[in-house]
Amino acid sequence: MNKIKIFGNGCQELRVVQNLQYMCVMSLNRNIFPRIVVYPQDVQNITRRGKRASQQLLKNIRTAFGKEKFQFVTVYEFCAFTGLDPEQVQDYLKD
């Protein structure tokens, strides 16, 4: 059975070495798989508001878009509501 190990050394290929498959994380381009969900901590980083104010802003966004309280807020919904540029917001999102 093969084991998969992931390395972030920037290579763009899949190698088989001693029955181990090495897939490089850097081949998963950040532009192809950006994070699309916004959390209260992200809102704090972007707006410099407190935790409670960030939670309230996300609640207001959910209400504006007709979402239930358990549903996620996407970057595009956040940007549409706040008027910010999605590309700039993606720079603030932590993994």
PDB file of N, CA and C in Angstrom:
ATOM      1  N   MET A   1       0.835  -1.163   0.000  1.00  0.00           N
ATOM      2  CA  MET A   1       0.000   0.000   0.000  1.00  0.00           C
ATOM      3  C   MET A   1       0.892   1.243   0.000  1.00  0.00           C
ATOM      4  N   ASN A   2       0.552   2.221  -0.819  1.00  0.00           N
ATOM      5  CA  ASN A   2       1.319   3.456  -0.909  1.00  0.00           C
ATOM      6  C   ASN A   2       0.852   4.462   0.125  1.00  0.00           C
ATOM      7  N   LYS A   3       1.799   5.180   0.671  1.00  0.00           N
ATOM      8  CA  LYS A   3       1.479   6.260   1.598  1.00  0.00           C
ATOM      9  C   LYS A   3       1.698   7.576   0.870  1.00  0.00           C
ATOM     10  N   ILE A   4       0.868   8.557   1.161  1.00  0.00           N
ATOM     11  CA  ILE A   4       0.999   9.859   0.526  1.00  0.00           C
ATOM     12  C   ILE A   4       1.570  10.832   1.546  1.00  0.00           C
ATOM     13  N   LYS A   5       2.663  11.501   1.178  1.00  0.00           N
ATOM     14  CA  LYS A   5       3.248  12.535   2.017  1.00  0.00           C
ATOM     15  C   LYS A   5       3.199  13.840   1.250  1.00  0.00           C
ATOM     16  N   ILE A   6       2.905  14.920   1.941  1.00  0.00           N
ATOM     17  CA  ILE A   6       2.791  16.221   1.303  1.00  0.00           C
ATOM     18  C   ILE A   6       3.931  17.109   1.776  1.00  0.00           C
ATOM     19  N   PHE A   7       4.629  17.704   0.830  1.00  0.00           N
ATOM     20  CA  PHE A   7       5.731  18.605   1.143  1.00  0.00           C
ATOM     21  C   PHE A   7       5.496  19.943   0.462  1.00  0.00           C
ATOM     22  N   GLY A   8       5.929  21.023   1.084  1.00  0.00           N
ATOM     23  CA  GLY A   8       5.767  22.352   0.523  1.00  0.00           C
ATOM     24  C   GLY A   8       7.059  22.910  -0.010  1.00  0.00           C
ATOM     25  N   ASN A   9       7.780  22.158  -0.827  1.00  0.00           N
ATOM     26  CA  ASN A   9       9.069  22.608  -1.314  1.00  0.00           C
ATOM     27  C   ASN A   9       9.003  23.252  -2.687  1.00  0.00           C
ATOM     28  N   GLY A  10       7.835  23.505  -3.221  1.00  0.00           N
ATOM     29  CA  GLY A  10       7.691  24.243  -4.452  1.00  0.00           C
ATOM     30  C   GLY A  10       7.744  23.424  -5.731  1.00  0.00           C
ATOM     31  N   CYS A  11       7.901  22.120  -5.666  1.00  0.00           N
ATOM     32  CA  CYS A  11       7.955  21.338  -6.901  1.00  0.00           C
ATOM     33  C   CYS A  11       6.554  21.165  -7.469  1.00  0.00           C
ATOM     34  N   GLN A  12       6.478  20.895  -8.747  1.00  0.00           N
ATOM     35  CA  GLN A  12       5.188  20.849  -9.423  1.00  0.00           C
ATOM     36  C   GLN A  12       4.906  19.465 -10.000  1.00  0.00           C
ATOM     37  N   GLU A  13       5.434  18.450  -9.418  1.00  0.00           N
ATOM     38  CA  GLU A  13       5.285  17.129 -10.000  1.00  0.00           C
ATOM     39  C   GLU A  13       4.965  16.089  -8.933  1.00  0.00           C
ATOM     40  N   LEU A  14       4.560  14.941  -9.390  1.00  0.00           N
ATOM     41  CA  LEU A  14       4.267  13.811  -8.510  1.00  0.00           C
ATOM     42  C   LEU A  14       5.375  12.786  -8.722  1.00  0.00           C
ATOM     43  N   ARG A  15       6.049  12.402  -7.655  1.00  0.00           N
ATOM     44  CA  ARG A  15       7.165  11.457  -7.751  1.00  0.00           C
ATOM     45  C   ARG A  15       6.858  10.194  -6.967  1.00  0.00           C
ATOM     46  N   VAL A  16       7.368   9.102  -7.434  1.00  0.00           N
ATOM     47  CA  VAL A  16       7.246   7.851  -6.701  1.00  0.00           C
ATOM     48  C   VAL A  16       8.655   7.429  -6.302  1.00  0.00           C
ATOM     49  N   VAL A  17       8.915   7.404  -4.998  1.00  0.00           N
ATOM     50  CA  VAL A  17      10.227   7.044  -4.479  1.00  0.00           C
ATOM     51  C   VAL A  17      10.016   6.006  -3.383  1.00  0.00           C
ATOM     52  N   GLN A  18      10.553   4.842  -3.571  1.00  0.00           N
ATOM     53  CA  GLN A  18      10.448   3.744  -2.617  1.00  0.00           C
ATOM     54  C   GLN A  18       9.000   3.510  -2.191  1.00  0.00           C
ATOM     55  N   ASN A  19       8.099   3.409  -3.174  1.00  0.00           N
ATOM     56  CA  ASN A  19       6.674   3.170  -2.951  1.00  0.00           C
ATOM     57  C   ASN A  19       5.984   4.269  -2.145  1.00  0.00           C
ATOM     58  N   LEU A  20       6.574   5.429  -2.089  1.00  0.00           N
ATOM     59  CA  LEU A  20       5.930   6.575  -1.444  1.00  0.00           C
ATOM     60  C   LEU A  20       5.624   7.619  -2.504  1.00  0.00           C
ATOM     61  N   GLN A  21       4.449   8.146  -2.470  1.00  0.00           N
ATOM     62  CA  GLN A  21       4.092   9.195  -3.419  1.00  0.00           C
ATOM     63  C   GLN A  21       4.271  10.530  -2.725  1.00  0.00           C
ATOM     64  N   TYR A  22       5.039  11.395  -3.354  1.00  0.00           N
ATOM     65  CA  TYR A  22       5.290  12.720  -2.806  1.00  0.00           C
ATOM     66  C   TYR A  22       4.571  13.747  -3.673  1.00  0.00           C
ATOM     67  N   MET A  23       3.620  14.404  -3.094  1.00  0.00           N
ATOM     68  CA  MET A  23       2.912  15.440  -3.820  1.00  0.00           C
ATOM     69  C   MET A  23       3.236  16.772  -3.164  1.00  0.00           C
ATOM     70  N   CYS A  24       3.632  17.712  -3.935  1.00  0.00           N
ATOM     71  CA  CYS A  24       4.048  18.996  -3.396  1.00  0.00           C
ATOM     72  C   CYS A  24       2.853  19.915  -3.223  1.00  0.00           C
ATOM     73  N   VAL A  25       2.761  20.512  -2.072  1.00  0.00           N
ATOM     74  CA  VAL A  25       1.662  21.408  -1.766  1.00  0.00           C
ATOM     75  C   VAL A  25       1.655  22.611  -2.703  1.00  0.00           C
ATOM     76  N   MET A  26       2.827  23.050  -3.105  1.00  0.00           N
ATOM     77  CA  MET A  26       2.898  24.241  -3.943  1.00  0.00           C
ATOM     78  C   MET A  26       2.255  24.027  -5.310  1.00  0.00           C
ATOM     79  N   SER A  27       2.039  22.778  -5.710  1.00  0.00           N
ATOM     80  CA  SER A  27       1.368  22.544  -6.982  1.00  0.00           C
ATOM     81  C   SER A  27      -0.116  22.892  -6.884  1.00  0.00           C
ATOM     82  N   LEU A  28      -0.634  22.932  -5.672  1.00  0.00           N
ATOM     83  CA  LEU A  28      -2.007  23.375  -5.465  1.00  0.00           C
ATOM     84  C   LEU A  28      -1.976  24.889  -5.356  1.00  0.00           C
ATOM     85  N   ASN A  29      -2.032  25.542  -6.459  1.00  0.00           N
ATOM     86  CA  ASN A  29      -1.896  26.989  -6.529  1.00  0.00           C
ATOM     87  C   ASN A  29      -2.970  27.673  -5.692  1.00  0.00           C
ATOM     88  N   ARG A  30      -2.573  28.644  -4.920  1.00  0.00           N
ATOM     89  CA  ARG A  30      -3.505  29.377  -4.062  1.00  0.00           C
ATOM     90  C   ARG A  30      -4.586  30.074  -4.876  1.00  0.00           C
ATOM     91  N   ASN A  31      -4.272  30.484  -6.100  1.00  0.00           N
ATOM     92  CA  ASN A  31      -5.266  31.139  -6.936  1.00  0.00           C
ATOM     93  C   ASN A  31      -6.341  30.164  -7.415  1.00  0.00           C
ATOM     94  N   ILE A  32      -6.004  28.879  -7.483  1.00  0.00           N
ATOM     95  CA  ILE A  32      -6.972  27.887  -7.918  1.00  0.00           C
ATOM     96  C   ILE A  32      -7.894  27.491  -6.766  1.00  0.00           C
ATOM     97  N   PHE A  33      -7.346  27.388  -5.553  1.00  0.00           N
ATOM     98  CA  PHE A  33      -8.120  26.968  -4.393  1.00  0.00           C
ATOM     99  C   PHE A  33      -8.102  28.034  -3.294  1.00  0.00           C
ATOM    100  N   PRO A  34      -8.644  29.217  -3.534  1.00  0.00           N
ATOM    101  CA  PRO A  34      -8.660  30.210  -2.464  1.00  0.00           C
ATOM    102  C   PRO A  34      -9.707  29.842  -1.415  1.00  0.00           C
ATOM    103  N   ARG A  35      -9.506  30.338  -0.229  1.00  0.00           N
ATOM    104  CA  ARG A  35     -10.498  30.103   0.824  1.00  0.00           C
ATOM    105  C   ARG A  35     -11.687  31.002   0.549  1.00  0.00           C
ATOM    106  N   ILE A  36     -12.881  30.488   0.664  1.00  0.00           N
ATOM    107  CA  ILE A  36     -14.058  31.276   0.313  1.00  0.00           C
ATOM    108  C   ILE A  36     -14.940  31.603   1.517  1.00  0.00           C
ATOM    109  N   VAL A  37     -14.627  31.073   2.678  1.00  0.00           N
ATOM    110  CA  VAL A  37     -15.454  31.296   3.861  1.00  0.00           C
ATOM    111  C   VAL A  37     -14.788  32.333   4.764  1.00  0.00           C
ATOM    112  N   VAL A  38     -15.591  33.228   5.308  1.00  0.00           N
ATOM    113  CA  VAL A  38     -15.093  34.272   6.205  1.00  0.00           C
ATOM    114  C   VAL A  38     -15.552  33.949   7.626  1.00  0.00           C
ATOM    115  N   TYR A  39     -14.615  33.999   8.560  1.00  0.00           N
ATOM    116  CA  TYR A  39     -14.885  33.754   9.973  1.00  0.00           C
ATOM    117  C   TYR A  39     -14.747  35.059  10.769  1.00  0.00           C
ATOM    118  N   PRO A  40     -15.269  35.111  12.007  1.00  0.00           N
ATOM    119  CA  PRO A  40     -15.148  36.326  12.806  1.00  0.00           C
ATOM    120  C   PRO A  40     -13.706  36.810  12.989  1.00  0.00           C
ATOM    121  N   GLN A  41     -12.763  35.894  13.124  1.00  0.00           N
ATOM    122  CA  GLN A  41     -11.357  36.288  13.265  1.00  0.00           C
ATOM    123  C   GLN A  41     -10.871  37.008  12.009  1.00  0.00           C
ATOM    124  N   ASP A  42     -11.336  36.565  10.851  1.00  0.00           N
ATOM    125  CA  ASP A  42     -10.973  37.226   9.597  1.00  0.00           C
ATOM    126  C   ASP A  42     -11.532  38.647   9.554  1.00  0.00           C
ATOM    127  N   VAL A  43     -12.783  38.793   9.988  1.00  0.00           N
ATOM    128  CA  VAL A  43     -13.404  40.121  10.012  1.00  0.00           C
ATOM    129  C   VAL A  43     -12.634  41.033  10.959  1.00  0.00           C
ATOM    130  N   GLN A  44     -12.178  40.495  12.087  1.00  0.00           N
ATOM    131  CA  GLN A  44     -11.364  41.276  13.015  1.00  0.00           C
ATOM    132  C   GLN A  44     -10.084  41.749  12.342  1.00  0.00           C
ATOM    133  N   ASN A  45      -9.419  40.873  11.600  1.00  0.00           N
ATOM    134  CA  ASN A  45      -8.174  41.229  10.933  1.00  0.00           C
ATOM    135  C   ASN A  45      -8.386  42.275   9.847  1.00  0.00           C
ATOM    136  N   ILE A  46      -9.498  42.182   9.137  1.00  0.00           N
ATOM    137  CA  ILE A  46      -9.764  43.091   8.025  1.00  0.00           C
ATOM    138  C   ILE A  46     -10.228  44.454   8.521  1.00  0.00           C
ATOM    139  N   THR A  47     -11.159  44.461   9.469  1.00  0.00           N
ATOM    140  CA  THR A  47     -11.799  45.718   9.889  1.00  0.00           C
ATOM    141  C   THR A  47     -11.223  46.316  11.165  1.00  0.00           C
ATOM    142  N   ARG A  48     -10.417  45.548  11.885  1.00  0.00           N
ATOM    143  CA  ARG A  48      -9.877  45.971  13.191  1.00  0.00           C
ATOM    144  C   ARG A  48     -10.986  46.233  14.212  1.00  0.00           C
ATOM    145  N   ARG A  49     -12.095  45.528  14.052  1.00  0.00           N
ATOM    146  CA  ARG A  49     -13.174  45.586  15.034  1.00  0.00           C
ATOM    147  C   ARG A  49     -12.945  44.498  16.072  1.00  0.00           C
ATOM    148  N   GLY A  50     -13.708  44.555  17.134  1.00  0.00           N
ATOM    149  CA  GLY A  50     -13.616  43.545  18.179  1.00  0.00           C
ATOM    150  C   GLY A  50     -14.325  42.266  17.772  1.00  0.00           C
ATOM    151  N   LYS A  51     -14.206  41.256  18.633  1.00  0.00           N
ATOM    152  CA  LYS A  51     -14.792  39.947  18.357  1.00  0.00           C
ATOM    153  C   LYS A  51     -16.309  40.021  18.229  1.00  0.00           C
ATOM    154  N   ARG A  52     -16.944  40.662  19.181  1.00  0.00           N
ATOM    155  CA  ARG A  52     -18.408  40.737  19.182  1.00  0.00           C
ATOM    156  C   ARG A  52     -18.927  41.543  17.993  1.00  0.00           C
ATOM    157  N   ALA A  53     -18.256  42.627  17.659  1.00  0.00           N
ATOM    158  CA  ALA A  53     -18.674  43.434  16.505  1.00  0.00           C
ATOM    159  C   ALA A  53     -18.498  42.650  15.203  1.00  0.00           C
ATOM    160  N   SER A  54     -17.466  41.828  15.131  1.00  0.00           N
ATOM    161  CA  SER A  54     -17.237  40.999  13.950  1.00  0.00           C
ATOM    162  C   SER A  54     -18.316  39.926  13.822  1.00  0.00           C
ATOM    163  N   GLN A  55     -18.693  39.326  14.941  1.00  0.00           N
ATOM    164  CA  GLN A  55     -19.762  38.338  14.927  1.00  0.00           C
ATOM    165  C   GLN A  55     -21.080  38.981  14.501  1.00  0.00           C
ATOM    166  N   GLN A  56     -21.332  40.185  14.996  1.00  0.00           N
ATOM    167  CA  GLN A  56     -22.562  40.900  14.648  1.00  0.00           C
ATOM    168  C   GLN A  56     -22.595  41.257  13.162  1.00  0.00           C
ATOM    169  N   LEU A  57     -21.448  41.656  12.609  1.00  0.00           N
ATOM    170  CA  LEU A  57     -21.388  41.971  11.185  1.00  0.00           C
ATOM    171  C   LEU A  57     -21.702  40.735  10.341  1.00  0.00           C
ATOM    172  N   LEU A  58     -21.140  39.586  10.708  1.00  0.00           N
ATOM    173  CA  LEU A  58     -21.444  38.355   9.980  1.00  0.00           C
ATOM    174  C   LEU A  58     -22.921  37.975  10.112  1.00  0.00           C
ATOM    175  N   LYS A  59     -23.492  38.229  11.280  1.00  0.00           N
ATOM    176  CA  LYS A  59     -24.921  37.965  11.483  1.00  0.00           C
ATOM    177  C   LYS A  59     -25.757  38.858  10.564  1.00  0.00           C
ATOM    178  N   ASN A  60     -25.367  40.126  10.447  1.00  0.00           N
ATOM    179  CA  ASN A  60     -26.082  41.051   9.570  1.00  0.00           C
ATOM    180  C   ASN A  60     -25.972  40.632   8.098  1.00  0.00           C
ATOM    181  N   ILE A  61     -24.814  40.127   7.718  1.00  0.00           N
ATOM    182  CA  ILE A  61     -24.617  39.653   6.348  1.00  0.00           C
ATOM    183  C   ILE A  61     -25.495  38.440   6.077  1.00  0.00           C
ATOM    184  N   ARG A  62     -25.555  37.510   7.032  1.00  0.00           N
ATOM    185  CA  ARG A  62     -26.425  36.335   6.867  1.00  0.00           C
ATOM    186  C   ARG A  62     -27.879  36.754   6.710  1.00  0.00           C
ATOM    187  N   THR A  63     -28.304  37.708   7.511  1.00  0.00           N
ATOM    188  CA  THR A  63     -29.683  38.201   7.436  1.00  0.00           C
ATOM    189  C   THR A  63     -29.943  38.852   6.083  1.00  0.00           C
ATOM    190  N   ALA A  64     -29.004  39.671   5.617  1.00  0.00           N
ATOM    191  CA  ALA A  64     -29.165  40.366   4.338  1.00  0.00           C
ATOM    192  C   ALA A  64     -29.254  39.397   3.163  1.00  0.00           C
ATOM    193  N   PHE A  65     -28.555  38.279   3.253  1.00  0.00           N
ATOM    194  CA  PHE A  65     -28.559  37.306   2.165  1.00  0.00           C
ATOM    195  C   PHE A  65     -29.544  36.164   2.399  1.00  0.00           C
ATOM    196  N   GLY A  66     -30.344  36.256   3.442  1.00  0.00           N
ATOM    197  CA  GLY A  66     -31.377  35.254   3.700  1.00  0.00           C
ATOM    198  C   GLY A  66     -30.840  33.890   4.094  1.00  0.00           C
ATOM    199  N   LYS A  67     -29.746  33.879   4.834  1.00  0.00           N
ATOM    200  CA  LYS A  67     -29.134  32.617   5.254  1.00  0.00           C
ATOM    201  C   LYS A  67     -29.542  32.278   6.681  1.00  0.00           C
ATOM    202  N   GLU A  68     -29.465  30.985   6.979  1.00  0.00           N
ATOM    203  CA  GLU A  68     -29.684  30.526   8.345  1.00  0.00           C
ATOM    204  C   GLU A  68     -28.429  30.799   9.165  1.00  0.00           C
ATOM    205  N   LYS A  69     -28.537  30.734  10.495  1.00  0.00           N
ATOM    206  CA  LYS A  69     -27.391  31.080  11.329  1.00  0.00           C
ATOM    207  C   LYS A  69     -26.254  30.062  11.276  1.00  0.00           C
ATOM    208  N   PHE A  70     -26.534  28.852  10.820  1.00  0.00           N
ATOM    209  CA  PHE A  70     -25.483  27.839  10.711  1.00  0.00           C
ATOM    210  C   PHE A  70     -24.765  27.874   9.362  1.00  0.00           C
ATOM    211  N   GLN A  71     -25.252  28.679   8.414  1.00  0.00           N
ATOM    212  CA  GLN A  71     -24.649  28.731   7.087  1.00  0.00           C
ATOM    213  C   GLN A  71     -23.461  29.692   7.058  1.00  0.00           C
ATOM    214  N   PHE A  72     -22.491  29.376   6.202  1.00  0.00           N
ATOM    215  CA  PHE A  72     -21.275  30.172   6.097  1.00  0.00           C
ATOM    216  C   PHE A  72     -21.508  31.445   5.284  1.00  0.00           C
ATOM    217  N   VAL A  73     -20.677  32.445   5.558  1.00  0.00           N
ATOM    218  CA  VAL A  73     -20.636  33.668   4.769  1.00  0.00           C
ATOM    219  C   VAL A  73     -19.412  33.570   3.864  1.00  0.00           C
ATOM    220  N   THR A  74     -19.603  33.773   2.563  1.00  0.00           N
ATOM    221  CA  THR A  74     -18.491  33.674   1.621  1.00  0.00           C
ATOM    222  C   THR A  74     -17.781  35.020   1.498  1.00  0.00           C
ATOM    223  N   VAL A  75     -16.600  34.977   0.920  1.00  0.00           N
ATOM    224  CA  VAL A  75     -15.825  36.199   0.694  1.00  0.00           C
ATOM    225  C   VAL A  75     -16.613  37.156  -0.184  1.00  0.00           C
ATOM    226  N   TYR A  76     -17.267  36.623  -1.205  1.00  0.00           N
ATOM    227  CA  TYR A  76     -18.001  37.475  -2.138  1.00  0.00           C
ATOM    228  C   TYR A  76     -19.218  38.114  -1.486  1.00  0.00           C
ATOM    229  N   GLU A  77     -19.894  37.394  -0.598  1.00  0.00           N
ATOM    230  CA  GLU A  77     -21.008  37.992   0.148  1.00  0.00           C
ATOM    231  C   GLU A  77     -20.503  39.077   1.093  1.00  0.00           C
ATOM    232  N   PHE A  78     -19.403  38.795   1.771  1.00  0.00           N
ATOM    233  CA  PHE A  78     -18.798  39.777   2.668  1.00  0.00           C
ATOM    234  C   PHE A  78     -18.417  41.041   1.902  1.00  0.00           C
ATOM    235  N   CYS A  79     -17.804  40.859   0.734  1.00  0.00           N
ATOM    236  CA  CYS A  79     -17.362  42.004  -0.068  1.00  0.00           C
ATOM    237  C   CYS A  79     -18.540  42.780  -0.645  1.00  0.00           C
ATOM    238  N   ALA A  80     -19.578  42.074  -1.065  1.00  0.00           N
ATOM    239  CA  ALA A  80     -20.771  42.751  -1.591  1.00  0.00           C
ATOM    240  C   ALA A  80     -21.434  43.597  -0.508  1.00  0.00           C
ATOM    241  N   PHE A  81     -21.448  43.083   0.709  1.00  0.00           N
ATOM    242  CA  PHE A  81     -22.087  43.790   1.820  1.00  0.00           C
ATOM    243  C   PHE A  81     -21.259  44.987   2.285  1.00  0.00           C
ATOM    244  N   THR A  82     -19.934  44.816   2.345  1.00  0.00           N
ATOM    245  CA  THR A  82     -19.069  45.871   2.873  1.00  0.00           C
ATOM    246  C   THR A  82     -18.512  46.801   1.804  1.00  0.00           C
ATOM    247  N   GLY A  83     -18.586  46.385   0.540  1.00  0.00           N
ATOM    248  CA  GLY A  83     -18.061  47.215  -0.540  1.00  0.00           C
ATOM    249  C   GLY A  83     -16.557  47.092  -0.730  1.00  0.00           C
ATOM    250  N   LEU A  84     -15.952  46.051  -0.173  1.00  0.00           N
ATOM    251  CA  LEU A  84     -14.513  45.839  -0.316  1.00  0.00           C
ATOM    252  C   LEU A  84     -14.211  44.995  -1.550  1.00  0.00           C
ATOM    253  N   ASP A  85     -12.970  45.069  -2.023  1.00  0.00           N
ATOM    254  CA  ASP A  85     -12.516  44.304  -3.180  1.00  0.00           C
ATOM    255  C   ASP A  85     -12.163  42.878  -2.745  1.00  0.00           C
ATOM    256  N   PRO A  86     -12.715  41.842  -3.406  1.00  0.00           N
ATOM    257  CA  PRO A  86     -12.426  40.457  -3.008  1.00  0.00           C
ATOM    258  C   PRO A  86     -10.940  40.088  -3.046  1.00  0.00           C
ATOM    259  N   GLU A  87     -10.192  40.611  -3.989  1.00  0.00           N
ATOM    260  CA  GLU A  87      -8.769  40.291  -4.068  1.00  0.00           C
ATOM    261  C   GLU A  87      -8.001  40.838  -2.867  1.00  0.00           C
ATOM    262  N   GLN A  88      -8.369  42.026  -2.416  1.00  0.00           N
ATOM    263  CA  GLN A  88      -7.713  42.586  -1.237  1.00  0.00           C
ATOM    264  C   GLN A  88      -8.093  41.815   0.019  1.00  0.00           C
ATOM    265  N   VAL A  89      -9.331  41.380   0.103  1.00  0.00           N
ATOM    266  CA  VAL A  89      -9.788  40.630   1.271  1.00  0.00           C
ATOM    267  C   VAL A  89      -9.077  39.286   1.344  1.00  0.00           C
ATOM    268  N   GLN A  90      -8.864  38.618   0.196  1.00  0.00           N
ATOM    269  CA  GLN A  90      -8.175  37.327   0.182  1.00  0.00           C
ATOM    270  C   GLN A  90      -6.779  37.436   0.787  1.00  0.00           C
ATOM    271  N   ASP A  91      -6.140  38.598   0.630  1.00  0.00           N
ATOM    272  CA  ASP A  91      -4.792  38.782   1.203  1.00  0.00           C
ATOM    273  C   ASP A  91      -4.808  38.736   2.727  1.00  0.00           C
ATOM    274  N   TYR A  92      -5.922  39.095   3.353  1.00  0.00           N
ATOM    275  CA  TYR A  92      -6.026  39.114   4.804  1.00  0.00           C
ATOM    276  C   TYR A  92      -6.429  37.777   5.410  1.00  0.00           C
ATOM    277  N   LEU A  93      -6.912  36.871   4.595  1.00  0.00           N
ATOM    278  CA  LEU A  93      -7.397  35.605   5.129  1.00  0.00           C
ATOM    279  C   LEU A  93      -6.246  34.697   5.496  1.00  0.00           C
ATOM    280  N   LYS A  94      -6.310  34.161   6.702  1.00  0.00           N
ATOM    281  CA  LYS A  94      -5.293  33.231   7.176  1.00  0.00           C
ATOM    282  C   LYS A  94      -5.745  31.821   6.888  1.00  0.00           C
ATOM    283  N   ASP A  95      -4.801  30.918   6.699  1.00  0.00           N
ATOM    284  CA  ASP A  95      -5.131  29.511   6.464  1.00  0.00           C
ATOM    285  C   ASP A  95      -5.265  28.765   7.759  1.00  0.00           C
TER     286      ASP A  95
END
